[in-house]
């Protein structure tokens, strides 16, 4: 799924700089300073909402736009934790692109 999303985003003009496991996210955001982050709630080795809170608590990277995706409707919890957007799975490529563009503005 990650490879498909990467391809779709690249076709839409986005540069995908890295795919990461949960434990790597904070370090990559600090090092790469991305324009936006797309992150799932359920990661293999971490909780996306917890990672979002950690990003928001870090003064150096706290302003990074983050879109959270999930198959469960946890929009409220994500917004409370500081997400710039939430996408409920399954979503279309257009919904993803729109959410990312809206977060980056």
PDB file of N, CA and C in Angstrom:
ATOM      1  N   UNK A   1       0.813  -1.193   0.000  1.00  0.00           N
ATOM      2  CA  UNK A   1       0.000   0.000   0.000  1.00  0.00           C
ATOM      3  C   UNK A   1       0.859   1.261   0.000  1.00  0.00           C
ATOM      4  N   UNK A   2       1.944   1.230   0.744  1.00  0.00           N
ATOM      5  CA  UNK A   2       2.824   2.403   0.809  1.00  0.00           C
ATOM      6  C   UNK A   2       3.402   2.711  -0.565  1.00  0.00           C
ATOM      7  N   UNK A   3       3.797   1.671  -1.291  1.00  0.00           N
ATOM      8  CA  UNK A   3       4.361   1.890  -2.626  1.00  0.00           C
ATOM      9  C   UNK A   3       3.319   2.483  -3.573  1.00  0.00           C
ATOM     10  N   UNK A   4       2.079   2.019  -3.470  1.00  0.00           N
ATOM     11  CA  UNK A   4       1.009   2.567  -4.297  1.00  0.00           C
ATOM     12  C   UNK A   4       0.777   4.035  -3.971  1.00  0.00           C
ATOM     13  N   UNK A   5       0.696   4.375  -2.687  1.00  0.00           N
ATOM     14  CA  UNK A   5       0.517   5.771  -2.291  1.00  0.00           C
ATOM     15  C   UNK A   5       1.678   6.639  -2.754  1.00  0.00           C
ATOM     16  N   UNK A   6       2.887   6.117  -2.641  1.00  0.00           N
ATOM     17  CA  UNK A   6       4.065   6.852  -3.093  1.00  0.00           C
ATOM     18  C   UNK A   6       3.945   7.172  -4.573  1.00  0.00           C
ATOM     19  N   UNK A   7       3.592   6.180  -5.368  1.00  0.00           N
ATOM     20  CA  UNK A   7       3.448   6.373  -6.809  1.00  0.00           C
ATOM     21  C   UNK A   7       2.354   7.386  -7.121  1.00  0.00           C
ATOM     22  N   UNK A   8       1.207   7.250  -6.473  1.00  0.00           N
ATOM     23  CA  UNK A   8       0.097   8.169  -6.719  1.00  0.00           C
ATOM     24  C   UNK A   8       0.472   9.605  -6.350  1.00  0.00           C
ATOM     25  N   UNK A   9       1.142   9.768  -5.233  1.00  0.00           N
ATOM     26  CA  UNK A   9       1.547  11.112  -4.818  1.00  0.00           C
ATOM     27  C   UNK A   9       2.578  11.700  -5.778  1.00  0.00           C
ATOM     28  N   UNK A  10       3.497  10.882  -6.232  1.00  0.00           N
ATOM     29  CA  UNK A  10       4.499  11.356  -7.186  1.00  0.00           C
ATOM     30  C   UNK A  10       3.843  11.762  -8.503  1.00  0.00           C
ATOM     31  N   UNK A  11       2.858  10.994  -8.947  1.00  0.00           N
ATOM     32  CA  UNK A  11       2.129  11.344 -10.167  1.00  0.00           C
ATOM     33  C   UNK A  11       1.373  12.654 -10.011  1.00  0.00           C
ATOM     34  N   UNK A  12       1.014  12.985  -8.785  1.00  0.00           N
ATOM     35  CA  UNK A  12       0.304  14.229  -8.505  1.00  0.00           C
ATOM     36  C   UNK A  12       1.258  15.396  -8.243  1.00  0.00           C
ATOM     37  N   UNK A  13       2.554  15.156  -8.384  1.00  0.00           N
ATOM     38  CA  UNK A  13       3.529  16.228  -8.257  1.00  0.00           C
ATOM     39  C   UNK A  13       4.193  16.354  -6.903  1.00  0.00           C
ATOM     40  N   UNK A  14       3.877  15.447  -5.978  1.00  0.00           N
ATOM     41  CA  UNK A  14       4.515  15.479  -4.669  1.00  0.00           C
ATOM     42  C   UNK A  14       5.835  14.733  -4.715  1.00  0.00           C
ATOM     43  N   UNK A  15       6.783  15.192  -3.937  1.00  0.00           N
ATOM     44  CA  UNK A  15       8.037  14.471  -3.766  1.00  0.00           C
ATOM     45  C   UNK A  15       7.934  13.706  -2.453  1.00  0.00           C
ATOM     46  N   UNK A  16       8.002  12.398  -2.526  1.00  0.00           N
ATOM     47  CA  UNK A  16       7.939  11.564  -1.331  1.00  0.00           C
ATOM     48  C   UNK A  16       9.381  11.315  -0.902  1.00  0.00           C
ATOM     49  N   UNK A  17       9.714  11.816   0.279  1.00  0.00           N
ATOM     50  CA  UNK A  17      11.119  11.752   0.677  1.00  0.00           C
ATOM     51  C   UNK A  17      11.471  10.535   1.509  1.00  0.00           C
ATOM     52  N   UNK A  18      10.476   9.944   2.159  1.00  0.00           N
ATOM     53  CA  UNK A  18      10.835   8.796   2.975  1.00  0.00           C
ATOM     54  C   UNK A  18       9.606   8.035   3.422  1.00  0.00           C
ATOM     55  N   UNK A  19       9.777   6.751   3.518  1.00  0.00           N
ATOM     56  CA  UNK A  19       8.768   5.897   4.131  1.00  0.00           C
ATOM     57  C   UNK A  19       9.387   5.389   5.420  1.00  0.00           C
ATOM     58  N   UNK A  20       8.661   5.461   6.519  1.00  0.00           N
ATOM     59  CA  UNK A  20       9.274   5.149   7.810  1.00  0.00           C
ATOM     60  C   UNK A  20       8.395   4.276   8.678  1.00  0.00           C
ATOM     61  N   UNK A  21       9.029   3.535   9.536  1.00  0.00           N
ATOM     62  CA  UNK A  21       8.338   2.807  10.596  1.00  0.00           C
ATOM     63  C   UNK A  21       8.108   3.793  11.733  1.00  0.00           C
ATOM     64  N   UNK A  22       7.180   3.471  12.607  1.00  0.00           N
ATOM     65  CA  UNK A  22       6.805   4.374  13.688  1.00  0.00           C
ATOM     66  C   UNK A  22       7.964   4.890  14.510  1.00  0.00           C
ATOM     67  N   UNK A  23       8.884   4.017  14.876  1.00  0.00           N
ATOM     68  CA  UNK A  23       9.997   4.410  15.737  1.00  0.00           C
ATOM     69  C   UNK A  23      10.936   5.401  15.049  1.00  0.00           C
ATOM     70  N   UNK A  24      10.900   5.474  13.721  1.00  0.00           N
ATOM     71  CA  UNK A  24      11.797   6.349  12.969  1.00  0.00           C
ATOM     72  C   UNK A  24      11.204   7.729  12.682  1.00  0.00           C
ATOM     73  N   UNK A  25       9.914   7.884  12.878  1.00  0.00           N
ATOM     74  CA  UNK A  25       9.201   9.079  12.421  1.00  0.00           C
ATOM     75  C   UNK A  25       9.785  10.376  12.975  1.00  0.00           C
ATOM     76  N   UNK A  26       9.967  10.475  14.275  1.00  0.00           N
ATOM     77  CA  UNK A  26      10.455  11.735  14.860  1.00  0.00           C
ATOM     78  C   UNK A  26      11.814  12.130  14.303  1.00  0.00           C
ATOM     79  N   UNK A  27      12.721  11.184  14.218  1.00  0.00           N
ATOM     80  CA  UNK A  27      14.058  11.465  13.696  1.00  0.00           C
ATOM     81  C   UNK A  27      14.032  11.906  12.243  1.00  0.00           C
ATOM     82  N   UNK A  28      13.184  11.273  11.466  1.00  0.00           N
ATOM     83  CA  UNK A  28      13.096  11.635  10.048  1.00  0.00           C
ATOM     84  C   UNK A  28      12.489  13.022   9.880  1.00  0.00           C
ATOM     85  N   UNK A  29      11.469  13.336  10.652  1.00  0.00           N
ATOM     86  CA  UNK A  29      10.881  14.677  10.562  1.00  0.00           C
ATOM     87  C   UNK A  29      11.911  15.725  10.961  1.00  0.00           C
ATOM     88  N   UNK A  30      12.687  15.445  12.001  1.00  0.00           N
ATOM     89  CA  UNK A  30      13.731  16.392  12.428  1.00  0.00           C
ATOM     90  C   UNK A  30      14.787  16.573  11.335  1.00  0.00           C
ATOM     91  N   UNK A  31      15.201  15.475  10.715  1.00  0.00           N
ATOM     92  CA  UNK A  31      16.275  15.531   9.726  1.00  0.00           C
ATOM     93  C   UNK A  31      15.813  16.053   8.366  1.00  0.00           C
ATOM     94  N   UNK A  32      14.636  15.637   7.924  1.00  0.00           N
ATOM     95  CA  UNK A  32      14.181  15.960   6.568  1.00  0.00           C
ATOM     96  C   UNK A  32      13.345  17.239   6.463  1.00  0.00           C
ATOM     97  N   UNK A  33      12.697  17.631   7.562  1.00  0.00           N
ATOM     98  CA  UNK A  33      11.834  18.816   7.573  1.00  0.00           C
ATOM     99  C   UNK A  33      10.843  18.796   6.399  1.00  0.00           C
ATOM    100  N   UNK A  34       9.974  17.793   6.338  1.00  0.00           N
ATOM    101  CA  UNK A  34       9.039  17.677   5.211  1.00  0.00           C
ATOM    102  C   UNK A  34       7.968  18.775   5.240  1.00  0.00           C
ATOM    103  N   UNK A  35       7.397  19.040   4.074  1.00  0.00           N
ATOM    104  CA  UNK A  35       6.305  20.005   3.980  1.00  0.00           C
ATOM    105  C   UNK A  35       5.052  19.469   4.654  1.00  0.00           C
ATOM    106  N   UNK A  36       4.900  18.129   4.658  1.00  0.00           N
ATOM    107  CA  UNK A  36       3.752  17.487   5.300  1.00  0.00           C
ATOM    108  C   UNK A  36       4.084  16.019   5.549  1.00  0.00           C
ATOM    109  N   UNK A  37       3.344  15.432   6.499  1.00  0.00           N
ATOM    110  CA  UNK A  37       3.510  14.024   6.839  1.00  0.00           C
ATOM    111  C   UNK A  37       2.153  13.339   6.721  1.00  0.00           C
ATOM    112  N   UNK A  38       2.146  12.189   6.066  1.00  0.00           N
ATOM    113  CA  UNK A  38       0.961  11.337   6.027  1.00  0.00           C
ATOM    114  C   UNK A  38       1.273  10.138   6.908  1.00  0.00           C
ATOM    115  N   UNK A  39       0.448   9.919   7.928  1.00  0.00           N
ATOM    116  CA  UNK A  39       0.733   8.867   8.896  1.00  0.00           C
ATOM    117  C   UNK A  39      -0.545   8.113   9.242  1.00  0.00           C
ATOM    118  N   UNK A  40      -0.417   6.815   9.367  1.00  0.00           N
ATOM    119  CA  UNK A  40      -1.539   5.976   9.761  1.00  0.00           C
ATOM    120  C   UNK A  40      -1.652   5.959  11.281  1.00  0.00           C
ATOM    121  N   UNK A  41      -2.842   5.725  11.771  1.00  0.00           N
ATOM    122  CA  UNK A  41      -3.037   5.601  13.220  1.00  0.00           C
ATOM    123  C   UNK A  41      -2.399   4.318  13.725  1.00  0.00           C
ATOM    124  N   UNK A  42      -2.616   3.240  13.007  1.00  0.00           N
ATOM    125  CA  UNK A  42      -2.121   1.933  13.440  1.00  0.00           C
ATOM    126  C   UNK A  42      -0.840   1.584  12.694  1.00  0.00           C
ATOM    127  N   UNK A  43       0.278   1.790  13.350  1.00  0.00           N
ATOM    128  CA  UNK A  43       1.578   1.455  12.785  1.00  0.00           C
ATOM    129  C   UNK A  43       2.037   0.139  13.392  1.00  0.00           C
ATOM    130  N   UNK A  44       2.912  -0.542  12.699  1.00  0.00           N
ATOM    131  CA  UNK A  44       3.343  -1.865  13.173  1.00  0.00           C
ATOM    132  C   UNK A  44       4.061  -1.813  14.513  1.00  0.00           C
ATOM    133  N   UNK A  45       4.735  -0.707  14.793  1.00  0.00           N
ATOM    134  CA  UNK A  45       5.522  -0.634  16.024  1.00  0.00           C
ATOM    135  C   UNK A  45       5.234   0.616  16.858  1.00  0.00           C
ATOM    136  N   UNK A  46       4.140   1.316  16.551  1.00  0.00           N
ATOM    137  CA  UNK A  46       3.825   2.534  17.302  1.00  0.00           C
ATOM    138  C   UNK A  46       2.368   2.922  17.069  1.00  0.00           C
ATOM    139  N   UNK A  47       1.900   3.842  17.880  1.00  0.00           N
ATOM    140  CA  UNK A  47       0.563   4.397  17.742  1.00  0.00           C
ATOM    141  C   UNK A  47       0.693   5.767  17.089  1.00  0.00           C
ATOM    142  N   UNK A  48       0.030   5.971  15.966  1.00  0.00           N
ATOM    143  CA  UNK A  48       0.137   7.227  15.231  1.00  0.00           C
ATOM    144  C   UNK A  48      -0.302   8.444  16.022  1.00  0.00           C
ATOM    145  N   UNK A  49      -1.324   8.291  16.849  1.00  0.00           N
ATOM    146  CA  UNK A  49      -1.795   9.428  17.649  1.00  0.00           C
ATOM    147  C   UNK A  49      -0.753   9.798  18.704  1.00  0.00           C
ATOM    148  N   UNK A  50      -0.120   8.804  19.301  1.00  0.00           N
ATOM    149  CA  UNK A  50       0.959   9.088  20.257  1.00  0.00           C
ATOM    150  C   UNK A  50       2.127   9.789  19.569  1.00  0.00           C
ATOM    151  N   UNK A  51       2.480   9.323  18.371  1.00  0.00           N
ATOM    152  CA  UNK A  51       3.564   9.977  17.627  1.00  0.00           C
ATOM    153  C   UNK A  51       3.190  11.414  17.273  1.00  0.00           C
ATOM    154  N   UNK A  52       1.946  11.627  16.890  1.00  0.00           N
ATOM    155  CA  UNK A  52       1.478  12.978  16.588  1.00  0.00           C
ATOM    156  C   UNK A  52       1.654  13.883  17.808  1.00  0.00           C
ATOM    157  N   UNK A  53       1.274  13.396  18.964  1.00  0.00           N
ATOM    158  CA  UNK A  53       1.441  14.189  20.195  1.00  0.00           C
ATOM    159  C   UNK A  53       2.917  14.500  20.460  1.00  0.00           C
ATOM    160  N   UNK A  54       3.793  13.534  20.187  1.00  0.00           N
ATOM    161  CA  UNK A  54       5.223  13.753  20.394  1.00  0.00           C
ATOM    162  C   UNK A  54       5.751  14.823  19.438  1.00  0.00           C
ATOM    163  N   UNK A  55       5.291  14.794  18.192  1.00  0.00           N
ATOM    164  CA  UNK A  55       5.705  15.823  17.234  1.00  0.00           C
ATOM    165  C   UNK A  55       5.224  17.186  17.711  1.00  0.00           C
ATOM    166  N   UNK A  56       3.984  17.282  18.106  1.00  0.00           N
ATOM    167  CA  UNK A  56       3.426  18.567  18.543  1.00  0.00           C
ATOM    168  C   UNK A  56       4.133  19.103  19.791  1.00  0.00           C
ATOM    169  N   UNK A  57       4.662  18.226  20.627  1.00  0.00           N
ATOM    170  CA  UNK A  57       5.356  18.639  21.852  1.00  0.00           C
ATOM    171  C   UNK A  57       6.795  19.079  21.587  1.00  0.00           C
ATOM    172  N   UNK A  58       7.308  18.824  20.407  1.00  0.00           N
ATOM    173  CA  UNK A  58       8.694  19.144  20.062  1.00  0.00           C
ATOM    174  C   UNK A  58       8.734  20.511  19.379  1.00  0.00           C
ATOM    175  N   UNK A  59       9.333  21.493  20.013  1.00  0.00           N
ATOM    176  CA  UNK A  59       9.348  22.864  19.490  1.00  0.00           C
ATOM    177  C   UNK A  59       9.967  22.956  18.097  1.00  0.00           C
ATOM    178  N   UNK A  60      10.939  22.135  17.801  1.00  0.00           N
ATOM    179  CA  UNK A  60      11.631  22.217  16.516  1.00  0.00           C
ATOM    180  C   UNK A  60      10.781  21.719  15.349  1.00  0.00           C
ATOM    181  N   UNK A  61       9.897  20.756  15.598  1.00  0.00           N
ATOM    182  CA  UNK A  61       9.124  20.163  14.506  1.00  0.00           C
ATOM    183  C   UNK A  61       7.614  20.228  14.737  1.00  0.00           C
ATOM    184  N   UNK A  62       7.207  20.850  15.819  1.00  0.00           N
ATOM    185  CA  UNK A  62       5.803  20.859  16.217  1.00  0.00           C
ATOM    186  C   UNK A  62       4.842  21.459  15.214  1.00  0.00           C
ATOM    187  N   UNK A  63       5.316  22.295  14.328  1.00  0.00           N
ATOM    188  CA  UNK A  63       4.447  22.925  13.341  1.00  0.00           C
ATOM    189  C   UNK A  63       4.308  22.153  12.043  1.00  0.00           C
ATOM    190  N   UNK A  64       4.936  21.005  11.950  1.00  0.00           N
ATOM    191  CA  UNK A  64       4.869  20.199  10.729  1.00  0.00           C
ATOM    192  C   UNK A  64       3.433  19.758  10.469  1.00  0.00           C
ATOM    193  N   UNK A  65       2.889  20.051   9.275  1.00  0.00           N
ATOM    194  CA  UNK A  65       1.533  19.593   8.960  1.00  0.00           C
ATOM    195  C   UNK A  65       1.476  18.060   8.917  1.00  0.00           C
ATOM    196  N   UNK A  66       0.501  17.484   9.617  1.00  0.00           N
ATOM    197  CA  UNK A  66       0.364  16.033   9.675  1.00  0.00           C
ATOM    198  C   UNK A  66      -1.074  15.639   9.368  1.00  0.00           C
ATOM    199  N   UNK A  67      -1.200  14.746   8.384  1.00  0.00           N
ATOM    200  CA  UNK A  67      -2.481  14.158   8.018  1.00  0.00           C
ATOM    201  C   UNK A  67      -2.469  12.739   8.559  1.00  0.00           C
ATOM    202  N   UNK A  68      -3.535  12.364   9.249  1.00  0.00           N
ATOM    203  CA  UNK A  68      -3.650  11.022   9.812  1.00  0.00           C
ATOM    204  C   UNK A  68      -4.697  10.247   9.018  1.00  0.00           C
ATOM    205  N   UNK A  69      -4.389   8.987   8.733  1.00  0.00           N
ATOM    206  CA  UNK A  69      -5.317   8.098   8.038  1.00  0.00           C
ATOM    207  C   UNK A  69      -5.645   6.915   8.935  1.00  0.00           C
ATOM    208  N   UNK A  70      -6.882   6.435   8.828  1.00  0.00           N
ATOM    209  CA  UNK A  70      -7.290   5.264   9.597  1.00  0.00           C
ATOM    210  C   UNK A  70      -8.534   4.645   8.987  1.00  0.00           C
ATOM    211  N   UNK A  71      -8.677   3.359   9.195  1.00  0.00           N
ATOM    212  CA  UNK A  71      -9.885   2.651   8.801  1.00  0.00           C
ATOM    213  C   UNK A  71     -10.988   2.802   9.828  1.00  0.00           C
ATOM    214  N   UNK A  72     -10.661   3.357  10.969  1.00  0.00           N
ATOM    215  CA  UNK A  72     -11.640   3.636  12.029  1.00  0.00           C
ATOM    216  C   UNK A  72     -11.872   5.139  12.077  1.00  0.00           C
ATOM    217  N   UNK A  73     -13.078   5.543  12.392  1.00  0.00           N
ATOM    218  CA  UNK A  73     -13.361   6.968  12.469  1.00  0.00           C
ATOM    219  C   UNK A  73     -12.888   7.520  13.809  1.00  0.00           C
ATOM    220  N   UNK A  74     -11.615   7.899  13.826  1.00  0.00           N
ATOM    221  CA  UNK A  74     -10.998   8.480  15.019  1.00  0.00           C
ATOM    222  C   UNK A  74     -10.625   9.944  14.763  1.00  0.00           C
ATOM    223  N   UNK A  75     -11.404  10.577  13.898  1.00  0.00           N
ATOM    224  CA  UNK A  75     -11.159  11.969  13.515  1.00  0.00           C
ATOM    225  C   UNK A  75     -11.034  12.868  14.755  1.00  0.00           C
ATOM    226  N   UNK A  76     -11.968  12.733  15.678  1.00  0.00           N
ATOM    227  CA  UNK A  76     -11.968  13.590  16.862  1.00  0.00           C
ATOM    228  C   UNK A  76     -10.664  13.432  17.655  1.00  0.00           C
ATOM    229  N   UNK A  77     -10.237  12.191  17.898  1.00  0.00           N
ATOM    230  CA  UNK A  77      -9.015  11.955  18.659  1.00  0.00           C
ATOM    231  C   UNK A  77      -7.794  12.536  17.929  1.00  0.00           C
ATOM    232  N   UNK A  78      -7.779  12.413  16.611  1.00  0.00           N
ATOM    233  CA  UNK A  78      -6.654  12.943  15.835  1.00  0.00           C
ATOM    234  C   UNK A  78      -6.635  14.467  15.872  1.00  0.00           C
ATOM    235  N   UNK A  79      -7.805  15.075  15.715  1.00  0.00           N
ATOM    236  CA  UNK A  79      -7.868  16.534  15.774  1.00  0.00           C
ATOM    237  C   UNK A  79      -7.495  17.047  17.158  1.00  0.00           C
ATOM    238  N   UNK A  80      -7.940  16.344  18.207  1.00  0.00           N
ATOM    239  CA  UNK A  80      -7.592  16.730  19.576  1.00  0.00           C
ATOM    240  C   UNK A  80      -6.084  16.639  19.810  1.00  0.00           C
ATOM    241  N   UNK A  81      -5.434  15.683  19.149  1.00  0.00           N
ATOM    242  CA  UNK A  81      -3.987  15.506  19.309  1.00  0.00           C
ATOM    243  C   UNK A  81      -3.191  16.483  18.445  1.00  0.00           C
ATOM    244  N   UNK A  82      -3.883  17.200  17.546  1.00  0.00           N
ATOM    245  CA  UNK A  82      -3.201  18.217  16.750  1.00  0.00           C
ATOM    246  C   UNK A  82      -3.056  17.929  15.276  1.00  0.00           C
ATOM    247  N   UNK A  83      -3.768  16.947  14.750  1.00  0.00           N
ATOM    248  CA  UNK A  83      -3.669  16.648  13.320  1.00  0.00           C
ATOM    249  C   UNK A  83      -4.205  17.809  12.488  1.00  0.00           C
ATOM    250  N   UNK A  84      -3.575  18.046  11.353  1.00  0.00           N
ATOM    251  CA  UNK A  84      -4.039  19.071  10.431  1.00  0.00           C
ATOM    252  C   UNK A  84      -5.153  18.548   9.532  1.00  0.00           C
ATOM    253  N   UNK A  85      -5.303  17.244   9.501  1.00  0.00           N
ATOM    254  CA  UNK A  85      -6.345  16.631   8.693  1.00  0.00           C
ATOM    255  C   UNK A  85      -6.482  15.169   9.040  1.00  0.00           C
ATOM    256  N   UNK A  86      -7.609  14.604   8.657  1.00  0.00           N
ATOM    257  CA  UNK A  86      -7.888  13.189   8.892  1.00  0.00           C
ATOM    258  C   UNK A  86      -8.555  12.623   7.653  1.00  0.00           C
ATOM    259  N   UNK A  87      -8.131  11.428   7.250  1.00  0.00           N
ATOM    260  CA  UNK A  87      -8.726  10.754   6.104  1.00  0.00           C
ATOM    261  C   UNK A  87      -9.173   9.368   6.548  1.00  0.00           C
ATOM    262  N   UNK A  88     -10.457   9.085   6.321  1.00  0.00           N
ATOM    263  CA  UNK A  88     -11.018   7.783   6.656  1.00  0.00           C
ATOM    264  C   UNK A  88     -10.812   6.836   5.483  1.00  0.00           C
ATOM    265  N   UNK A  89     -10.227   5.667   5.767  1.00  0.00           N
ATOM    266  CA  UNK A  89     -10.020   4.653   4.736  1.00  0.00           C
ATOM    267  C   UNK A  89     -11.315   3.903   4.475  1.00  0.00           C
ATOM    268  N   UNK A  90     -11.553   3.466   3.291  1.00  0.00           N
ATOM    269  CA  UNK A  90     -10.749   3.714   2.086  1.00  0.00           C
ATOM    270  C   UNK A  90     -11.003   5.124   1.563  1.00  0.00           C
ATOM    271  N   UNK A  91      -9.978   5.699   0.997  1.00  0.00           N
ATOM    272  CA  UNK A  91     -10.098   7.044   0.439  1.00  0.00           C
ATOM    273  C   UNK A  91      -9.561   7.033  -0.976  1.00  0.00           C
ATOM    274  N   UNK A  92     -10.002   8.014  -1.743  1.00  0.00           N
ATOM    275  CA  UNK A  92      -9.553   8.110  -3.136  1.00  0.00           C
ATOM    276  C   UNK A  92      -8.251   8.897  -3.204  1.00  0.00           C
ATOM    277  N   UNK A  93      -7.502   8.735  -4.273  1.00  0.00           N
ATOM    278  CA  UNK A  93      -6.289   9.545  -4.442  1.00  0.00           C
ATOM    279  C   UNK A  93      -6.597  11.045  -4.408  1.00  0.00           C
ATOM    280  N   UNK A  94      -7.747  11.433  -4.949  1.00  0.00           N
ATOM    281  CA  UNK A  94      -8.113  12.850  -4.935  1.00  0.00           C
ATOM    282  C   UNK A  94      -8.323  13.366  -3.516  1.00  0.00           C
ATOM    283  N   UNK A  95      -8.928  12.547  -2.654  1.00  0.00           N
ATOM    284  CA  UNK A  95      -9.126  12.954  -1.262  1.00  0.00           C
ATOM    285  C   UNK A  95      -7.787  13.140  -0.562  1.00  0.00           C
ATOM    286  N   UNK A  96      -6.850  12.247  -0.834  1.00  0.00           N
ATOM    287  CA  UNK A  96      -5.520  12.347  -0.228  1.00  0.00           C
ATOM    288  C   UNK A  96      -4.809  13.609  -0.699  1.00  0.00           C
ATOM    289  N   UNK A  97      -4.807  13.834  -1.993  1.00  0.00           N
ATOM    290  CA  UNK A  97      -4.150  15.021  -2.543  1.00  0.00           C
ATOM    291  C   UNK A  97      -4.761  16.292  -1.976  1.00  0.00           C
ATOM    292  N   UNK A  98      -6.089  16.341  -1.918  1.00  0.00           N
ATOM    293  CA  UNK A  98      -6.776  17.514  -1.382  1.00  0.00           C
ATOM    294  C   UNK A  98      -6.399  17.761   0.077  1.00  0.00           C
ATOM    295  N   UNK A  99      -6.366  16.706   0.879  1.00  0.00           N
ATOM    296  CA  UNK A  99      -6.009  16.846   2.296  1.00  0.00           C
ATOM    297  C   UNK A  99      -4.582  17.347   2.463  1.00  0.00           C
ATOM    298  N   UNK A 100      -3.656  16.816   1.670  1.00  0.00           N
ATOM    299  CA  UNK A 100      -2.260  17.252   1.767  1.00  0.00           C
ATOM    300  C   UNK A 100      -2.100  18.702   1.343  1.00  0.00           C
ATOM    301  N   UNK A 101      -2.728  19.074   0.230  1.00  0.00           N
ATOM    302  CA  UNK A 101      -2.627  20.451  -0.239  1.00  0.00           C
ATOM    303  C   UNK A 101      -3.217  21.424   0.777  1.00  0.00           C
ATOM    304  N   UNK A 102      -4.322  21.041   1.370  1.00  0.00           N
ATOM    305  CA  UNK A 102      -4.973  21.888   2.375  1.00  0.00           C
ATOM    306  C   UNK A 102      -4.077  22.055   3.612  1.00  0.00           C
ATOM    307  N   UNK A 103      -3.386  21.001   4.011  1.00  0.00           N
ATOM    308  CA  UNK A 103      -2.508  21.057   5.179  1.00  0.00           C
ATOM    309  C   UNK A 103      -1.270  21.892   4.934  1.00  0.00           C
ATOM    310  N   UNK A 104      -0.781  21.881   3.725  1.00  0.00           N
ATOM    311  CA  UNK A 104       0.456  22.581   3.394  1.00  0.00           C
ATOM    312  C   UNK A 104       0.238  24.092   3.295  1.00  0.00           C
ATOM    313  N   UNK A 105      -0.947  24.509   2.944  1.00  0.00           N
ATOM    314  CA  UNK A 105      -1.223  25.954   2.747  1.00  0.00           C
ATOM    315  C   UNK A 105      -1.005  26.739   3.990  1.00  0.00           C
TER     316      UNK A 105
END
